[in-house]
Amino acid sequence: MKVTTVNISAEHLEHIFKLTDTNSDGLVDTLELGTMIAESYTRLDIPLSVGDWAGLMLALFNRIDINQDGFVSFTEVIQLFQL
């Protein structure tokens, strides 16, 4: 089992990625990532303002979207978390 720099297996990251990729096109867009963030905060019962949500989503998306094509692929997720 390959482990990332944040001690999460690549298999677990792939599972999270597939859950986030709600249209199953192999890519995550800002809407899908934003939905995942909002649902996560709701499940954890952590308040998140619209401004904070937007800022968090854009900062995270821009960090993960390595090639800046407006979509996040699983390859980009793995590149981000590996040494």
C-alpha atoms as a PDB file:
ATOM      1  CA  MET A   1       0.000   0.000   0.000  1.00  0.00           C
ATOM      2  CA  LYS A   2       1.463   3.324  -1.072  1.00  0.00           C
ATOM      3  CA  VAL A   3       1.159   6.046   1.561  1.00  0.00           C
ATOM      4  CA  THR A   4       1.165   9.765   0.864  1.00  0.00           C
ATOM      5  CA  THR A   5       2.984  12.496   2.785  1.00  0.00           C
ATOM      6  CA  VAL A   6      -0.144  13.016   4.898  1.00  0.00           C
ATOM      7  CA  ASN A   7      -0.248   9.329   5.860  1.00  0.00           C
ATOM      8  CA  ILE A   8      -3.304   8.519   3.752  1.00  0.00           C
ATOM      9  CA  SER A   9      -3.118   5.600   1.377  1.00  0.00           C
ATOM     10  CA  ALA A  10      -3.453   6.271  -2.329  1.00  0.00           C
ATOM     11  CA  GLU A  11      -6.457   3.940  -2.265  1.00  0.00           C
ATOM     12  CA  HIS A  12      -8.214   6.118   0.323  1.00  0.00           C
ATOM     13  CA  LEU A  13      -7.422   9.255  -1.674  1.00  0.00           C
ATOM     14  CA  GLU A  14      -8.847   7.606  -4.775  1.00  0.00           C
ATOM     15  CA  HIS A  15     -12.028   6.696  -2.867  1.00  0.00           C
ATOM     16  CA  ILE A  16     -12.424  10.302  -1.678  1.00  0.00           C
ATOM     17  CA  PHE A  17     -11.736  11.542  -5.206  1.00  0.00           C
ATOM     18  CA  LYS A  18     -14.412   9.281  -6.685  1.00  0.00           C
ATOM     19  CA  LEU A  19     -16.946  10.411  -4.063  1.00  0.00           C
ATOM     20  CA  THR A  20     -16.145  14.040  -4.922  1.00  0.00           C
ATOM     21  CA  ASP A  21     -16.364  13.405  -8.698  1.00  0.00           C
ATOM     22  CA  THR A  22     -20.157  13.258  -8.653  1.00  0.00           C
ATOM     23  CA  ASN A  23     -20.580  13.154 -12.451  1.00  0.00           C
ATOM     24  CA  SER A  24     -17.963  10.357 -12.769  1.00  0.00           C
ATOM     25  CA  ASP A  25     -16.038  12.042 -15.570  1.00  0.00           C
ATOM     26  CA  GLY A  26     -12.663  11.425 -13.903  1.00  0.00           C
ATOM     27  CA  LEU A  27     -12.223  15.101 -13.066  1.00  0.00           C
ATOM     28  CA  VAL A  28     -13.284  17.318 -10.161  1.00  0.00           C
ATOM     29  CA  ASP A  29     -14.463  20.836 -10.916  1.00  0.00           C
ATOM     30  CA  THR A  30     -15.047  23.750  -8.548  1.00  0.00           C
ATOM     31  CA  LEU A  31     -18.726  22.887  -8.065  1.00  0.00           C
ATOM     32  CA  GLU A  32     -17.930  19.301  -7.059  1.00  0.00           C
ATOM     33  CA  LEU A  33     -15.149  20.387  -4.700  1.00  0.00           C
ATOM     34  CA  GLY A  34     -17.332  23.121  -3.229  1.00  0.00           C
ATOM     35  CA  THR A  35     -20.138  20.648  -2.617  1.00  0.00           C
ATOM     36  CA  MET A  36     -17.751  18.232  -0.890  1.00  0.00           C
ATOM     37  CA  ILE A  37     -16.434  20.998   1.370  1.00  0.00           C
ATOM     38  CA  ALA A  38     -19.931  22.205   2.275  1.00  0.00           C
ATOM     39  CA  GLU A  39     -21.143  18.664   3.011  1.00  0.00           C
ATOM     40  CA  SER A  40     -18.067  17.924   5.127  1.00  0.00           C
ATOM     41  CA  TYR A  41     -18.523  21.041   7.257  1.00  0.00           C
ATOM     42  CA  THR A  42     -22.242  20.288   7.636  1.00  0.00           C
ATOM     43  CA  ARG A  43     -21.580  16.699   8.744  1.00  0.00           C
ATOM     44  CA  LEU A  44     -19.005  17.925  11.243  1.00  0.00           C
ATOM     45  CA  ASP A  45     -21.468  20.596  12.449  1.00  0.00           C
ATOM     46  CA  ILE A  46     -18.904  23.342  11.832  1.00  0.00           C
ATOM     47  CA  PRO A  47     -20.333  26.697  10.748  1.00  0.00           C
ATOM     48  CA  LEU A  48     -18.914  28.019   7.487  1.00  0.00           C
ATOM     49  CA  SER A  49     -19.925  31.349   5.990  1.00  0.00           C
ATOM     50  CA  VAL A  50     -20.405  31.681   2.249  1.00  0.00           C
ATOM     51  CA  GLY A  51     -17.312  33.878   2.067  1.00  0.00           C
ATOM     52  CA  ASP A  52     -15.192  31.395   4.012  1.00  0.00           C
ATOM     53  CA  TRP A  53     -16.543  28.524   1.915  1.00  0.00           C
ATOM     54  CA  ALA A  54     -15.693  30.300  -1.334  1.00  0.00           C
ATOM     55  CA  GLY A  55     -12.233  31.278  -0.126  1.00  0.00           C
ATOM     56  CA  LEU A  56     -11.447  27.765   1.102  1.00  0.00           C
ATOM     57  CA  MET A  57     -12.747  26.130  -2.074  1.00  0.00           C
ATOM     58  CA  LEU A  58     -10.807  28.431  -4.398  1.00  0.00           C
ATOM     59  CA  ALA A  59      -7.573  28.217  -2.397  1.00  0.00           C
ATOM     60  CA  LEU A  60      -7.760  24.426  -2.244  1.00  0.00           C
ATOM     61  CA  PHE A  61      -8.771  24.053  -5.887  1.00  0.00           C
ATOM     62  CA  ASN A  62      -6.010  26.336  -7.140  1.00  0.00           C
ATOM     63  CA  ARG A  63      -3.449  24.440  -5.061  1.00  0.00           C
ATOM     64  CA  ILE A  64      -4.539  21.037  -6.373  1.00  0.00           C
ATOM     65  CA  ASP A  65      -5.115  22.062 -10.028  1.00  0.00           C
ATOM     66  CA  ILE A  66      -1.410  21.832 -10.858  1.00  0.00           C
ATOM     67  CA  ASN A  67      -1.783  22.308 -14.621  1.00  0.00           C
ATOM     68  CA  GLN A  68      -4.354  25.113 -14.126  1.00  0.00           C
ATOM     69  CA  ASP A  69      -6.837  23.672 -16.645  1.00  0.00           C
ATOM     70  CA  GLY A  70      -9.851  24.291 -14.401  1.00  0.00           C
ATOM     71  CA  PHE A  71     -10.220  20.644 -13.393  1.00  0.00           C
ATOM     72  CA  VAL A  72      -8.523  18.394 -10.858  1.00  0.00           C
ATOM     73  CA  SER A  73      -7.486  14.919 -11.954  1.00  0.00           C
ATOM     74  CA  PHE A  74      -6.587  12.095  -9.609  1.00  0.00           C
ATOM     75  CA  THR A  75      -3.024  12.311 -10.949  1.00  0.00           C
ATOM     76  CA  GLU A  76      -2.833  15.911  -9.684  1.00  0.00           C
ATOM     77  CA  VAL A  77      -4.110  14.825  -6.259  1.00  0.00           C
ATOM     78  CA  ILE A  78      -1.411  12.133  -6.039  1.00  0.00           C
ATOM     79  CA  GLN A  79       1.289  14.593  -7.223  1.00  0.00           C
ATOM     80  CA  LEU A  80       0.246  17.056  -4.537  1.00  0.00           C
ATOM     81  CA  PHE A  81       0.476  14.548  -1.686  1.00  0.00           C
ATOM     82  CA  GLN A  82       3.635  12.649  -2.660  1.00  0.00           C
ATOM     83  CA  LEU A  83       7.206  13.635  -1.898  1.00  0.00           C
END
